[in-house]
Amino acid sequence: MVHGEHNKSRNSGGFALIILGALMLIIGPQEAIVPKSLSIIVWIAGIIIGGIGFYLKFIKNRVK
């Protein structure tokens, strides 16, 4: 098919991971929502999840 490549789904969930990571970065330092002992873990997890989402959304398709 001529348009086979065009019709493939490119949805990798990267955008959702970026949003989730950003929400974790916003919520992490707030002691009213997350206990103080977990705030660093939530903050680091937000960076990691956002980084994975950024890779899936923008970098994965360019490195080939």
Protein backbone atom coordinates (compact mmCIF):
# COMPACT_ATOMS: atom_id res chain seq x y z
CA MET A 1 0.00 0.00 0.00
CA VAL A 2 1.19 3.46 -0.82
CA HIS A 3 -0.18 5.06 2.33
CA GLY A 4 0.61 2.19 4.70
CA GLU A 5 3.27 4.15 6.58
CA HIS A 6 0.97 7.17 6.87
CA ASN A 7 -1.85 5.15 8.42
CA LYS A 8 0.25 3.60 11.20
CA SER A 9 -0.54 4.74 14.71
CA ARG A 10 2.29 6.75 16.26
CA ASN A 11 0.70 7.06 19.67
CA SER A 12 3.32 5.81 22.10
CA GLY A 13 1.86 7.39 25.24
CA GLY A 14 4.80 9.78 25.49
CA PHE A 15 2.64 12.86 25.94
CA ALA A 16 0.74 11.25 28.82
CA LEU A 17 4.04 10.37 30.51
CA ILE A 18 5.27 13.95 30.15
CA ILE A 19 2.07 15.24 31.78
CA LEU A 20 2.31 12.64 34.57
CA GLY A 21 5.94 13.55 35.23
CA ALA A 22 5.08 17.26 35.37
CA LEU A 23 2.26 16.60 37.82
CA MET A 24 4.61 14.60 40.02
CA LEU A 25 7.11 17.48 39.98
CA ILE A 26 4.37 19.89 41.05
CA ILE A 27 2.84 17.63 43.71
CA GLY A 28 6.12 16.20 45.09
CA PRO A 29 7.29 19.12 47.25
CA GLN A 30 3.85 19.76 48.78
CA GLU A 31 3.79 18.20 52.24
CA ALA A 32 0.00 18.39 52.50
CA ILE A 33 -0.42 15.84 49.69
CA VAL A 34 2.73 13.70 49.92
CA PRO A 35 4.49 12.88 53.21
CA LYS A 36 7.87 14.57 53.64
CA SER A 37 9.74 11.27 53.51
CA LEU A 38 8.33 10.48 50.05
CA SER A 39 8.66 13.94 48.52
CA ILE A 40 12.19 13.37 47.19
CA ILE A 41 11.19 9.98 45.74
CA VAL A 42 8.13 11.49 44.02
CA TRP A 43 10.24 14.35 42.64
CA ILE A 44 12.90 12.00 41.23
CA ALA A 45 10.23 9.67 39.82
CA GLY A 46 8.62 12.68 38.10
CA ILE A 47 11.91 13.54 36.42
CA ILE A 48 12.43 9.93 35.30
CA ILE A 49 8.87 9.45 34.01
CA GLY A 50 8.91 12.81 32.24
CA GLY A 51 12.26 11.94 30.66
CA ILE A 52 10.94 8.63 29.38
CA GLY A 53 7.89 10.41 27.96
CA PHE A 54 10.09 13.01 26.28
CA TYR A 55 12.19 10.25 24.74
CA LEU A 56 9.14 8.38 23.44
CA LYS A 57 7.48 11.51 22.07
CA PHE A 58 10.38 13.42 20.49
CA ILE A 59 13.66 11.52 20.35
CA LYS A 60 12.72 7.91 19.53
CA ASN A 61 11.49 8.68 16.01
CA ARG A 62 14.50 10.84 15.13
CA VAL A 63 17.21 8.32 16.08
CA LYS A 64 17.05 5.79 13.26
